[in-house]
Amino acid sequence: MRVAIWGAGKMGQVHGEMYQKIKADIACVIERDPVKAQIFSEKFSCRVLDSFEKLTEQEADAVDICLPTNLHLEAIKLAAKKCRAIFCEKPVCLNAEEYLQLKEIGGKESCGIMVGQVLRFWNGYVKSKELLEAGAIGAPRMVNCLRRQKMPGWSKENWLMDPEKSGGLLMDLSIHDVDYLYWILGIPQKVYSQVVHNDRTTVHNIMTISYENCCANVIGSWGMPEAFGGGELEAALEIIGDNGMITYKGGDLLEVIQGNKKEIIKLEHTDGYEEELRYFVRSINENQYPERADLYSVEGTMNILWAALESSEKGQAVTVI
């Protein structure tokens, strides 16, 4: 399989490394910044194109889009005309109007569009879902999700801090936990979201998501001190059920408590980014549709996030469509 990576920034680099690991052919990188393009080209031994229009249909089987979120819609429109498969980093778009257009593209062009909701491939989150579905802790009653870090500064011209380009904290960081909740629990009844801003964007968020017989809390932050956790992201998951609880704090260990018994489960060491791209490549090679994380499978995720944004503006709980 030959893939064209569109965008040579941080995520483009991460994806390039993963494609190398799984021995997929990086046909080219599409990047307007000549310095970034040159670095990427030398690292991954691939051709450089300064515009997507220069990509030929024969050059790549798939396009991997690692651009700022506000550019995703137009990029997918162009890519769908040349390639039979598209991988797009999350969030796939910024608003419901864009999402409707994307659904039309997926239908009209018969193009498989996979979205980078990486927790669906992250070992601890996958295992937690498996345990939950196997009834290991009974029916879920409360889920707590935590994801926090210092203010990210890696995006070009700091586009990540511009809500018009990234969607802000909820759409770029908390989306991971919201997507996971949707993946394991489905559409909730209501969402209440409270945010704290600095001069430019949201830096802290607490979200309460209500289901019929379960409640979930999502805490997200870009406002941690510079030295917090060595500058690395901290994430954690708790699922509390009728008969026990599951706790995962990253790495390759997961804890299950049932009654007075505690079990530490050793997970197979994998990389979520590698696993999702391995799935993407396998889907293409085997001519299978990437239903595990396709465009349509994230519609509920996006609806929850848009309800959370509305809730934070109104200061009240909002029903999820």
C-alpha atoms as a PDB file:
ATOM      1  CA  MET A   1       0.000   0.000   0.000  1.00  0.00           C
ATOM      2  CA  ARG A   2       1.225   3.487  -0.880  1.00  0.00           C
ATOM      3  CA  VAL A   3       0.188   6.410   1.283  1.00  0.00           C
ATOM      4  CA  ALA A   4       0.568  10.163   0.810  1.00  0.00           C
ATOM      5  CA  ILE A   5       0.900  12.020   4.116  1.00  0.00           C
ATOM      6  CA  TRP A   6      -0.633  15.486   3.927  1.00  0.00           C
ATOM      7  CA  GLY A   7       1.072  17.645   6.529  1.00  0.00           C
ATOM      8  CA  ALA A   8       4.606  17.295   7.914  1.00  0.00           C
ATOM      9  CA  GLY A   9       3.930  18.634  11.417  1.00  0.00           C
ATOM     10  CA  LYS A  10       3.927  16.712  14.682  1.00  0.00           C
ATOM     11  CA  MET A  11       1.166  14.238  13.802  1.00  0.00           C
ATOM     12  CA  GLY A  12       2.485  13.804  10.274  1.00  0.00           C
ATOM     13  CA  GLN A  13       5.813  12.810  11.801  1.00  0.00           C
ATOM     14  CA  VAL A  14       4.131  10.398  14.218  1.00  0.00           C
ATOM     15  CA  HIS A  15       2.192   8.787  11.395  1.00  0.00           C
ATOM     16  CA  GLY A  16       5.312   8.539   9.265  1.00  0.00           C
ATOM     17  CA  GLU A  17       7.080   6.635  12.039  1.00  0.00           C
ATOM     18  CA  MET A  18       4.129   4.269  12.416  1.00  0.00           C
ATOM     19  CA  TYR A  19       3.941   3.560   8.680  1.00  0.00           C
ATOM     20  CA  GLN A  20       7.637   2.732   8.744  1.00  0.00           C
ATOM     21  CA  LYS A  21       7.065   0.263  11.576  1.00  0.00           C
ATOM     22  CA  ILE A  22       4.301  -1.550   9.733  1.00  0.00           C
ATOM     23  CA  LYS A  23       6.271  -1.404   6.483  1.00  0.00           C
ATOM     24  CA  ALA A  24       3.753   0.635   4.497  1.00  0.00           C
ATOM     25  CA  ASP A  25       5.173   2.637   1.601  1.00  0.00           C
ATOM     26  CA  ILE A  26       5.196   6.405   2.187  1.00  0.00           C
ATOM     27  CA  ALA A  27       4.876   7.577  -1.404  1.00  0.00           C
ATOM     28  CA  CYS A  28       5.201  11.292  -0.677  1.00  0.00           C
ATOM     29  CA  VAL A  29       4.583  14.099   1.763  1.00  0.00           C
ATOM     30  CA  ILE A  30       2.417  17.056   0.802  1.00  0.00           C
ATOM     31  CA  GLU A  31       3.721  20.144   2.588  1.00  0.00           C
ATOM     32  CA  ARG A  32       4.005  23.831   1.660  1.00  0.00           C
ATOM     33  CA  ASP A  33       6.655  24.662   4.247  1.00  0.00           C
ATOM     34  CA  PRO A  34       9.943  23.842   2.468  1.00  0.00           C
ATOM     35  CA  VAL A  35      11.935  23.357   5.679  1.00  0.00           C
ATOM     36  CA  LYS A  36       9.427  20.941   7.219  1.00  0.00           C
ATOM     37  CA  ALA A  37       9.046  19.167   3.887  1.00  0.00           C
ATOM     38  CA  GLN A  38      12.793  18.674   3.529  1.00  0.00           C
ATOM     39  CA  ILE A  39      13.170  17.308   7.053  1.00  0.00           C
ATOM     40  CA  PHE A  40      10.292  14.901   6.500  1.00  0.00           C
ATOM     41  CA  SER A  41      11.549  13.813   3.094  1.00  0.00           C
ATOM     42  CA  GLU A  42      15.038  13.023   4.408  1.00  0.00           C
ATOM     43  CA  LYS A  43      13.687  11.170   7.436  1.00  0.00           C
ATOM     44  CA  PHE A  44      11.262   8.979   5.505  1.00  0.00           C
ATOM     45  CA  SER A  45      12.953   8.870   2.084  1.00  0.00           C
ATOM     46  CA  CYS A  46       9.916  10.093   0.208  1.00  0.00           C
ATOM     47  CA  ARG A  47       9.081  12.580  -2.499  1.00  0.00           C
ATOM     48  CA  VAL A  48       7.884  16.118  -1.645  1.00  0.00           C
ATOM     49  CA  LEU A  49       4.840  17.785  -3.197  1.00  0.00           C
ATOM     50  CA  ASP A  50       4.046  21.396  -2.331  1.00  0.00           C
ATOM     51  CA  SER A  51       0.360  21.022  -3.234  1.00  0.00           C
ATOM     52  CA  PHE A  52      -2.189  18.212  -3.310  1.00  0.00           C
ATOM     53  CA  GLU A  53      -3.048  19.004  -6.910  1.00  0.00           C
ATOM     54  CA  LYS A  54       0.338  17.581  -7.939  1.00  0.00           C
ATOM     55  CA  LEU A  55      -0.509  14.149  -6.548  1.00  0.00           C
ATOM     56  CA  THR A  56      -1.482  11.727  -9.304  1.00  0.00           C
ATOM     57  CA  GLU A  57      -4.072   8.987  -8.863  1.00  0.00           C
ATOM     58  CA  GLN A  58      -1.404   6.388  -9.652  1.00  0.00           C
ATOM     59  CA  GLU A  59       0.968   7.674  -6.969  1.00  0.00           C
ATOM     60  CA  ALA A  60      -0.937   6.698  -3.821  1.00  0.00           C
ATOM     61  CA  ASP A  61      -3.670   4.321  -2.695  1.00  0.00           C
ATOM     62  CA  ALA A  62      -4.529   6.398   0.355  1.00  0.00           C
ATOM     63  CA  VAL A  63      -4.130   9.881   1.797  1.00  0.00           C
ATOM     64  CA  ASP A  64      -3.388  10.472   5.484  1.00  0.00           C
ATOM     65  CA  ILE A  65      -4.517  13.982   6.481  1.00  0.00           C
ATOM     66  CA  CYS A  66      -2.577  15.602   9.336  1.00  0.00           C
ATOM     67  CA  LEU A  67      -3.598  19.233   8.808  1.00  0.00           C
ATOM     68  CA  PRO A  68      -5.178  21.798  11.141  1.00  0.00           C
ATOM     69  CA  THR A  69      -8.816  20.862  11.778  1.00  0.00           C
ATOM     70  CA  ASN A  70     -10.291  23.804   9.894  1.00  0.00           C
ATOM     71  CA  LEU A  71      -8.669  22.454   6.715  1.00  0.00           C
ATOM     72  CA  HIS A  72     -10.022  18.900   7.000  1.00  0.00           C
ATOM     73  CA  LEU A  73     -13.230  19.342   5.022  1.00  0.00           C
ATOM     74  CA  GLU A  74     -11.609  20.781   1.901  1.00  0.00           C
ATOM     75  CA  ALA A  75      -8.741  18.297   2.145  1.00  0.00           C
ATOM     76  CA  ILE A  76     -11.142  15.347   2.279  1.00  0.00           C
ATOM     77  CA  LYS A  77     -13.103  16.741  -0.670  1.00  0.00           C
ATOM     78  CA  LEU A  78      -9.936  16.799  -2.768  1.00  0.00           C
ATOM     79  CA  ALA A  79      -8.586  13.474  -1.524  1.00  0.00           C
ATOM     80  CA  ALA A  80     -11.841  11.621  -2.208  1.00  0.00           C
ATOM     81  CA  LYS A  81     -11.473  12.384  -5.921  1.00  0.00           C
ATOM     82  CA  LYS A  82      -8.067  10.713  -6.189  1.00  0.00           C
ATOM     83  CA  CYS A  83      -7.811   7.958  -3.572  1.00  0.00           C
ATOM     84  CA  ARG A  84     -10.055   5.100  -2.482  1.00  0.00           C
ATOM     85  CA  ALA A  85      -9.171   5.487   1.201  1.00  0.00           C
ATOM     86  CA  ILE A  86      -8.607   8.436   3.520  1.00  0.00           C
ATOM     87  CA  PHE A  87      -7.291   8.599   7.057  1.00  0.00           C
ATOM     88  CA  CYS A  88      -8.044  11.920   8.778  1.00  0.00           C
ATOM     89  CA  GLU A  89      -6.807  12.954  12.196  1.00  0.00           C
ATOM     90  CA  LYS A  90      -9.408  13.880  14.781  1.00  0.00           C
ATOM     91  CA  PRO A  91     -11.550  15.858  15.019  1.00  0.00           C
ATOM     92  CA  VAL A  92     -12.753  15.126  11.521  1.00  0.00           C
ATOM     93  CA  CYS A  93     -14.437  18.543  11.313  1.00  0.00           C
ATOM     94  CA  LEU A  94     -15.486  21.535  13.396  1.00  0.00           C
ATOM     95  CA  ASN A  95     -19.284  21.738  13.124  1.00  0.00           C
ATOM     96  CA  ALA A  96     -22.452  19.918  12.100  1.00  0.00           C
ATOM     97  CA  GLU A  97     -22.665  21.657   8.740  1.00  0.00           C
ATOM     98  CA  GLU A  98     -19.234  20.369   7.786  1.00  0.00           C
ATOM     99  CA  TYR A  99     -20.110  16.899   9.003  1.00  0.00           C
ATOM    100  CA  LEU A 100     -23.175  16.765   6.744  1.00  0.00           C
ATOM    101  CA  GLN A 101     -20.968  17.595   3.770  1.00  0.00           C
ATOM    102  CA  LEU A 102     -18.519  14.868   4.769  1.00  0.00           C
ATOM    103  CA  LYS A 103     -21.297  12.282   4.939  1.00  0.00           C
ATOM    104  CA  GLU A 104     -22.282  13.184   1.397  1.00  0.00           C
ATOM    105  CA  ILE A 105     -18.682  12.785   0.222  1.00  0.00           C
ATOM    106  CA  GLY A 106     -18.392   9.373   1.810  1.00  0.00           C
ATOM    107  CA  GLY A 107     -21.603   8.275   0.150  1.00  0.00           C
ATOM    108  CA  LYS A 108     -21.128   9.775  -3.298  1.00  0.00           C
ATOM    109  CA  GLU A 109     -17.489   8.932  -3.797  1.00  0.00           C
ATOM    110  CA  SER A 110     -17.669   5.451  -2.195  1.00  0.00           C
ATOM    111  CA  CYS A 111     -14.512   6.421  -0.374  1.00  0.00           C
ATOM    112  CA  GLY A 112     -13.562   4.820   2.931  1.00  0.00           C
ATOM    113  CA  ILE A 113     -12.891   7.609   5.428  1.00  0.00           C
ATOM    114  CA  MET A 114     -11.304   6.557   8.721  1.00  0.00           C
ATOM    115  CA  VAL A 115     -10.969   8.981  11.638  1.00  0.00           C
ATOM    116  CA  GLY A 116      -8.064   8.998  14.096  1.00  0.00           C
ATOM    117  CA  GLN A 117      -9.993   8.212  17.288  1.00  0.00           C
ATOM    118  CA  VAL A 118      -6.982   6.463  18.742  1.00  0.00           C
ATOM    119  CA  LEU A 119      -8.455   5.265  22.064  1.00  0.00           C
ATOM    120  CA  ARG A 120     -10.424   2.699  20.071  1.00  0.00           C
ATOM    121  CA  PHE A 121      -7.016   1.071  19.490  1.00  0.00           C
ATOM    122  CA  TRP A 122      -5.222   1.862  22.782  1.00  0.00           C
ATOM    123  CA  ASN A 123      -4.521  -1.326  24.721  1.00  0.00           C
ATOM    124  CA  GLY A 124      -5.899  -0.313  28.146  1.00  0.00           C
ATOM    125  CA  TYR A 125      -9.045   1.274  26.729  1.00  0.00           C
ATOM    126  CA  VAL A 126      -9.689  -1.673  24.418  1.00  0.00           C
ATOM    127  CA  LYS A 127      -9.222  -4.181  27.251  1.00  0.00           C
ATOM    128  CA  SER A 128     -11.486  -2.154  29.551  1.00  0.00           C
ATOM    129  CA  LYS A 129     -14.233  -2.291  26.931  1.00  0.00           C
ATOM    130  CA  GLU A 130     -13.769  -6.043  26.559  1.00  0.00           C
ATOM    131  CA  LEU A 131     -13.981  -6.575  30.327  1.00  0.00           C
ATOM    132  CA  LEU A 132     -17.070  -4.390  30.558  1.00  0.00           C
ATOM    133  CA  GLU A 133     -18.824  -6.274  27.757  1.00  0.00           C
ATOM    134  CA  ALA A 134     -17.879  -9.596  29.384  1.00  0.00           C
ATOM    135  CA  GLY A 135     -19.684  -8.505  32.563  1.00  0.00           C
ATOM    136  CA  ALA A 136     -16.547  -8.420  34.716  1.00  0.00           C
ATOM    137  CA  ILE A 137     -17.864  -5.568  36.872  1.00  0.00           C
ATOM    138  CA  GLY A 138     -21.567  -5.755  36.158  1.00  0.00           C
ATOM    139  CA  ALA A 139     -23.522  -2.871  34.660  1.00  0.00           C
ATOM    140  CA  PRO A 140     -21.538   0.406  34.518  1.00  0.00           C
ATOM    141  CA  ARG A 141     -22.824   3.106  36.848  1.00  0.00           C
ATOM    142  CA  MET A 142     -20.083   5.753  36.807  1.00  0.00           C
ATOM    143  CA  VAL A 143     -17.178   6.469  34.446  1.00  0.00           C
ATOM    144  CA  ASN A 144     -14.437   8.987  35.222  1.00  0.00           C
ATOM    145  CA  CYS A 145     -12.046  10.186  32.520  1.00  0.00           C
ATOM    146  CA  LEU A 146      -9.050  12.452  33.068  1.00  0.00           C
ATOM    147  CA  ARG A 147      -6.764  13.987  30.425  1.00  0.00           C
ATOM    148  CA  ARG A 148      -4.444  16.899  31.208  1.00  0.00           C
ATOM    149  CA  GLN A 149      -1.136  18.451  30.220  1.00  0.00           C
ATOM    150  CA  LYS A 150       0.723  21.736  29.965  1.00  0.00           C
ATOM    151  CA  MET A 151      -0.315  24.148  27.229  1.00  0.00           C
ATOM    152  CA  PRO A 152       0.784  22.526  23.936  1.00  0.00           C
ATOM    153  CA  GLY A 153       3.053  24.756  21.877  1.00  0.00           C
ATOM    154  CA  TRP A 154       4.049  22.490  19.004  1.00  0.00           C
ATOM    155  CA  SER A 155       1.481  23.575  16.391  1.00  0.00           C
ATOM    156  CA  LYS A 156       2.648  25.868  13.584  1.00  0.00           C
ATOM    157  CA  GLU A 157       1.787  29.499  14.366  1.00  0.00           C
ATOM    158  CA  ASN A 158       0.088  28.040  17.468  1.00  0.00           C
ATOM    159  CA  TRP A 159      -3.069  27.187  15.498  1.00  0.00           C
ATOM    160  CA  LEU A 160      -4.108  24.729  18.204  1.00  0.00           C
ATOM    161  CA  MET A 161      -4.825  27.645  20.548  1.00  0.00           C
ATOM    162  CA  ASP A 162      -7.195  29.246  18.023  1.00  0.00           C
ATOM    163  CA  PRO A 163     -10.709  27.776  18.524  1.00  0.00           C
ATOM    164  CA  GLU A 164     -11.636  28.851  14.988  1.00  0.00           C
ATOM    165  CA  LYS A 165      -8.981  26.483  13.655  1.00  0.00           C
ATOM    166  CA  SER A 166      -8.866  23.659  16.218  1.00  0.00           C
ATOM    167  CA  GLY A 167     -12.185  23.775  18.032  1.00  0.00           C
ATOM    168  CA  GLY A 168     -10.286  24.353  21.267  1.00  0.00           C
ATOM    169  CA  LEU A 169      -9.767  22.080  24.260  1.00  0.00           C
ATOM    170  CA  LEU A 170     -13.057  20.198  24.029  1.00  0.00           C
ATOM    171  CA  MET A 171     -12.696  19.366  20.340  1.00  0.00           C
ATOM    172  CA  ASP A 172      -8.988  18.564  20.379  1.00  0.00           C
ATOM    173  CA  LEU A 173      -8.251  17.024  23.792  1.00  0.00           C
ATOM    174  CA  SER A 174     -11.459  15.987  25.528  1.00  0.00           C
ATOM    175  CA  ILE A 175     -12.676  14.472  22.267  1.00  0.00           C
ATOM    176  CA  HIS A 176     -10.637  11.360  23.115  1.00  0.00           C
ATOM    177  CA  ASP A 177     -12.597  10.599  26.279  1.00  0.00           C
ATOM    178  CA  VAL A 178     -15.923  11.661  24.802  1.00  0.00           C
ATOM    179  CA  ASP A 179     -15.340   9.298  21.890  1.00  0.00           C
ATOM    180  CA  TYR A 180     -14.465   6.478  24.273  1.00  0.00           C
ATOM    181  CA  LEU A 181     -17.646   7.051  26.277  1.00  0.00           C
ATOM    182  CA  TYR A 182     -19.699   7.007  23.083  1.00  0.00           C
ATOM    183  CA  TRP A 183     -17.891   3.833  21.984  1.00  0.00           C
ATOM    184  CA  ILE A 184     -18.752   1.953  25.193  1.00  0.00           C
ATOM    185  CA  LEU A 185     -22.045   3.564  26.258  1.00  0.00           C
ATOM    186  CA  GLY A 186     -23.614   5.162  23.187  1.00  0.00           C
ATOM    187  CA  ILE A 187     -25.543   8.428  23.066  1.00  0.00           C
ATOM    188  CA  PRO A 188     -26.247  10.020  26.473  1.00  0.00           C
ATOM    189  CA  GLN A 189     -29.331  11.937  27.511  1.00  0.00           C
ATOM    190  CA  LYS A 190     -27.730  15.227  28.530  1.00  0.00           C
ATOM    191  CA  VAL A 191     -24.392  16.994  28.767  1.00  0.00           C
ATOM    192  CA  TYR A 192     -23.326  19.740  31.131  1.00  0.00           C
ATOM    193  CA  SER A 193     -19.990  21.404  30.421  1.00  0.00           C
ATOM    194  CA  GLN A 194     -18.158  24.120  32.335  1.00  0.00           C
ATOM    195  CA  VAL A 195     -15.021  25.745  30.933  1.00  0.00           C
ATOM    196  CA  VAL A 196     -12.344  28.129  32.193  1.00  0.00           C
ATOM    197  CA  HIS A 197     -10.626  30.417  29.693  1.00  0.00           C
ATOM    198  CA  ASN A 198      -7.402  32.336  29.485  1.00  0.00           C
ATOM    199  CA  ASP A 199      -6.985  35.222  27.036  1.00  0.00           C
ATOM    200  CA  ARG A 200      -7.077  33.010  23.954  1.00  0.00           C
ATOM    201  CA  THR A 201      -8.773  29.690  24.557  1.00  0.00           C
ATOM    202  CA  THR A 202     -10.275  27.215  27.015  1.00  0.00           C
ATOM    203  CA  VAL A 203      -7.674  25.819  29.401  1.00  0.00           C
ATOM    204  CA  HIS A 204      -9.823  23.729  31.776  1.00  0.00           C
ATOM    205  CA  ASN A 205     -13.032  21.797  31.267  1.00  0.00           C
ATOM    206  CA  ILE A 206     -15.275  19.653  33.442  1.00  0.00           C
ATOM    207  CA  MET A 207     -18.037  17.774  31.665  1.00  0.00           C
ATOM    208  CA  THR A 208     -20.845  15.684  33.164  1.00  0.00           C
ATOM    209  CA  ILE A 209     -22.502  13.288  30.744  1.00  0.00           C
ATOM    210  CA  SER A 210     -25.763  11.686  31.862  1.00  0.00           C
ATOM    211  CA  TYR A 211     -27.082   8.292  30.743  1.00  0.00           C
ATOM    212  CA  GLU A 212     -30.260   6.581  31.937  1.00  0.00           C
ATOM    213  CA  ASN A 213     -28.512   4.462  34.575  1.00  0.00           C
ATOM    214  CA  CYS A 214     -24.962   5.775  34.449  1.00  0.00           C
ATOM    215  CA  CYS A 215     -23.129   9.068  34.763  1.00  0.00           C
ATOM    216  CA  ALA A 216     -19.734  10.041  33.376  1.00  0.00           C
ATOM    217  CA  ASN A 217     -17.277  12.792  34.181  1.00  0.00           C
ATOM    218  CA  VAL A 218     -14.701  14.118  31.733  1.00  0.00           C
ATOM    219  CA  ILE A 219     -11.933  16.385  33.015  1.00  0.00           C
ATOM    220  CA  GLY A 220      -9.627  17.988  30.477  1.00  0.00           C
ATOM    221  CA  SER A 221      -6.901  20.577  30.872  1.00  0.00           C
ATOM    222  CA  TRP A 222      -4.266  22.396  28.862  1.00  0.00           C
ATOM    223  CA  GLY A 223      -3.472  24.507  31.922  1.00  0.00           C
ATOM    224  CA  MET A 224      -1.056  22.375  33.919  1.00  0.00           C
ATOM    225  CA  PRO A 225       2.277  23.918  35.059  1.00  0.00           C
ATOM    226  CA  GLU A 226       5.294  23.633  32.756  1.00  0.00           C
ATOM    227  CA  ALA A 227       7.003  20.988  34.900  1.00  0.00           C
ATOM    228  CA  PHE A 228       3.855  18.916  35.495  1.00  0.00           C
ATOM    229  CA  GLY A 229       4.516  15.261  34.786  1.00  0.00           C
ATOM    230  CA  GLY A 230       7.740  16.099  33.014  1.00  0.00           C
ATOM    231  CA  GLY A 231       5.692  17.944  30.430  1.00  0.00           C
ATOM    232  CA  GLU A 232       3.922  14.754  29.350  1.00  0.00           C
ATOM    233  CA  LEU A 233       0.216  14.080  29.007  1.00  0.00           C
ATOM    234  CA  GLU A 234      -1.511  12.399  31.961  1.00  0.00           C
ATOM    235  CA  ALA A 235      -4.618  10.319  31.299  1.00  0.00           C
ATOM    236  CA  ALA A 236      -6.716   8.009  33.450  1.00  0.00           C
ATOM    237  CA  LEU A 237      -9.898   5.950  33.239  1.00  0.00           C
ATOM    238  CA  GLU A 238     -12.203   4.521  35.926  1.00  0.00           C
ATOM    239  CA  ILE A 239     -15.276   2.427  35.197  1.00  0.00           C
ATOM    240  CA  ILE A 240     -17.334   1.630  38.296  1.00  0.00           C
ATOM    241  CA  GLY A 241     -20.004  -1.035  37.996  1.00  0.00           C
ATOM    242  CA  ASP A 242     -22.465  -2.904  40.184  1.00  0.00           C
ATOM    243  CA  ASN A 243     -19.906  -5.595  40.989  1.00  0.00           C
ATOM    244  CA  GLY A 244     -16.524  -3.879  40.824  1.00  0.00           C
ATOM    245  CA  MET A 245     -14.377  -1.378  38.993  1.00  0.00           C
ATOM    246  CA  ILE A 246     -11.739  -1.076  36.282  1.00  0.00           C
ATOM    247  CA  THR A 247      -8.876   1.404  36.537  1.00  0.00           C
ATOM    248  CA  TYR A 248      -6.388   2.271  33.798  1.00  0.00           C
ATOM    249  CA  LYS A 249      -3.713   4.958  34.049  1.00  0.00           C
ATOM    250  CA  GLY A 250      -1.723   4.373  30.900  1.00  0.00           C
ATOM    251  CA  GLY A 251       1.092   1.985  30.191  1.00  0.00           C
ATOM    252  CA  ASP A 252       0.597  -1.765  30.085  1.00  0.00           C
ATOM    253  CA  LEU A 253      -1.117  -2.432  33.424  1.00  0.00           C
ATOM    254  CA  LEU A 254      -4.821  -2.437  34.191  1.00  0.00           C
ATOM    255  CA  GLU A 255      -6.488  -2.974  37.582  1.00  0.00           C
ATOM    256  CA  VAL A 256      -9.757  -4.804  38.195  1.00  0.00           C
ATOM    257  CA  ILE A 257     -11.410  -4.833  41.613  1.00  0.00           C
ATOM    258  CA  GLN A 258     -14.231  -7.310  42.298  1.00  0.00           C
ATOM    259  CA  GLY A 259     -15.485  -7.387  45.886  1.00  0.00           C
ATOM    260  CA  ASN A 260     -12.424  -7.745  48.111  1.00  0.00           C
ATOM    261  CA  LYS A 261     -10.222  -9.048  45.294  1.00  0.00           C
ATOM    262  CA  LYS A 262      -7.846  -6.914  43.264  1.00  0.00           C
ATOM    263  CA  GLU A 263      -6.270  -8.162  40.031  1.00  0.00           C
ATOM    264  CA  ILE A 264      -3.500  -6.485  38.040  1.00  0.00           C
ATOM    265  CA  ILE A 265      -3.742  -7.412  34.371  1.00  0.00           C
ATOM    266  CA  LYS A 266      -0.570  -7.209  32.271  1.00  0.00           C
ATOM    267  CA  LEU A 267      -1.430  -5.961  28.803  1.00  0.00           C
ATOM    268  CA  GLU A 268       0.377  -6.737  25.596  1.00  0.00           C
ATOM    269  CA  HIS A 269       2.608  -3.768  24.829  1.00  0.00           C
ATOM    270  CA  THR A 270       1.322  -1.923  21.776  1.00  0.00           C
ATOM    271  CA  ASP A 271       1.189   1.642  20.485  1.00  0.00           C
ATOM    272  CA  GLY A 272      -2.297   2.981  19.815  1.00  0.00           C
ATOM    273  CA  TYR A 273      -1.161   5.071  16.856  1.00  0.00           C
ATOM    274  CA  GLU A 274       0.566   2.076  15.322  1.00  0.00           C
ATOM    275  CA  GLU A 275      -2.464  -0.149  15.906  1.00  0.00           C
ATOM    276  CA  GLU A 276      -4.944   2.261  14.304  1.00  0.00           C
ATOM    277  CA  LEU A 277      -2.776   2.736  11.213  1.00  0.00           C
ATOM    278  CA  ARG A 278      -2.105  -0.992  11.028  1.00  0.00           C
ATOM    279  CA  TYR A 279      -5.902  -1.472  10.983  1.00  0.00           C
ATOM    280  CA  PHE A 280      -6.229   1.206   8.283  1.00  0.00           C
ATOM    281  CA  VAL A 281      -3.575  -0.387   6.085  1.00  0.00           C
ATOM    282  CA  ARG A 282      -4.995  -3.881   6.590  1.00  0.00           C
ATOM    283  CA  SER A 283      -8.465  -2.626   5.624  1.00  0.00           C
ATOM    284  CA  ILE A 284      -7.097  -1.245   2.369  1.00  0.00           C
ATOM    285  CA  ASN A 285      -4.980  -4.280   1.557  1.00  0.00           C
ATOM    286  CA  GLU A 286      -7.884  -6.654   2.221  1.00  0.00           C
ATOM    287  CA  ASN A 287     -10.422  -4.372   0.510  1.00  0.00           C
ATOM    288  CA  GLN A 288     -12.393  -4.045   3.755  1.00  0.00           C
ATOM    289  CA  TYR A 289     -14.288  -0.995   4.964  1.00  0.00           C
ATOM    290  CA  PRO A 290     -12.736   0.545   8.178  1.00  0.00           C
ATOM    291  CA  GLU A 291     -15.957   0.365  10.178  1.00  0.00           C
ATOM    292  CA  ARG A 292     -14.261   0.300  13.604  1.00  0.00           C
ATOM    293  CA  ALA A 293     -13.466   4.016  13.319  1.00  0.00           C
ATOM    294  CA  ASP A 294     -15.045   5.203  10.082  1.00  0.00           C
ATOM    295  CA  LEU A 295     -16.620   8.592   9.450  1.00  0.00           C
ATOM    296  CA  TYR A 296     -20.117   7.435  10.404  1.00  0.00           C
ATOM    297  CA  SER A 297     -19.011   5.777  13.645  1.00  0.00           C
ATOM    298  CA  VAL A 298     -17.987   9.138  15.135  1.00  0.00           C
ATOM    299  CA  GLU A 299     -21.237  10.992  14.491  1.00  0.00           C
ATOM    300  CA  GLY A 300     -22.390  10.424  18.068  1.00  0.00           C
ATOM    301  CA  THR A 301     -19.028  11.633  19.377  1.00  0.00           C
ATOM    302  CA  MET A 302     -19.338  14.858  17.438  1.00  0.00           C
ATOM    303  CA  ASN A 303     -22.938  15.416  18.559  1.00  0.00           C
ATOM    304  CA  ILE A 304     -21.898  15.048  22.207  1.00  0.00           C
ATOM    305  CA  LEU A 305     -19.063  17.550  21.721  1.00  0.00           C
ATOM    306  CA  TRP A 306     -21.288  20.074  19.995  1.00  0.00           C
ATOM    307  CA  ALA A 307     -23.800  19.733  22.836  1.00  0.00           C
ATOM    308  CA  ALA A 308     -20.943  20.305  25.311  1.00  0.00           C
ATOM    309  CA  LEU A 309     -19.904  23.473  23.483  1.00  0.00           C
ATOM    310  CA  GLU A 310     -23.507  24.686  23.565  1.00  0.00           C
ATOM    311  CA  SER A 311     -23.763  23.842  27.253  1.00  0.00           C
ATOM    312  CA  SER A 312     -20.606  25.803  28.106  1.00  0.00           C
ATOM    313  CA  GLU A 313     -22.023  28.844  26.302  1.00  0.00           C
ATOM    314  CA  LYS A 314     -25.470  28.647  27.902  1.00  0.00           C
ATOM    315  CA  GLY A 315     -24.334  27.567  31.365  1.00  0.00           C
ATOM    316  CA  GLN A 316     -26.886  24.768  31.502  1.00  0.00           C
ATOM    317  CA  ALA A 317     -27.318  21.108  30.620  1.00  0.00           C
ATOM    318  CA  VAL A 318     -28.110  20.383  26.968  1.00  0.00           C
ATOM    319  CA  THR A 319     -29.937  17.412  25.478  1.00  0.00           C
ATOM    320  CA  VAL A 320     -27.842  15.470  22.966  1.00  0.00           C
ATOM    321  CA  ILE A 321     -29.427  15.076  19.541  1.00  0.00           C
END
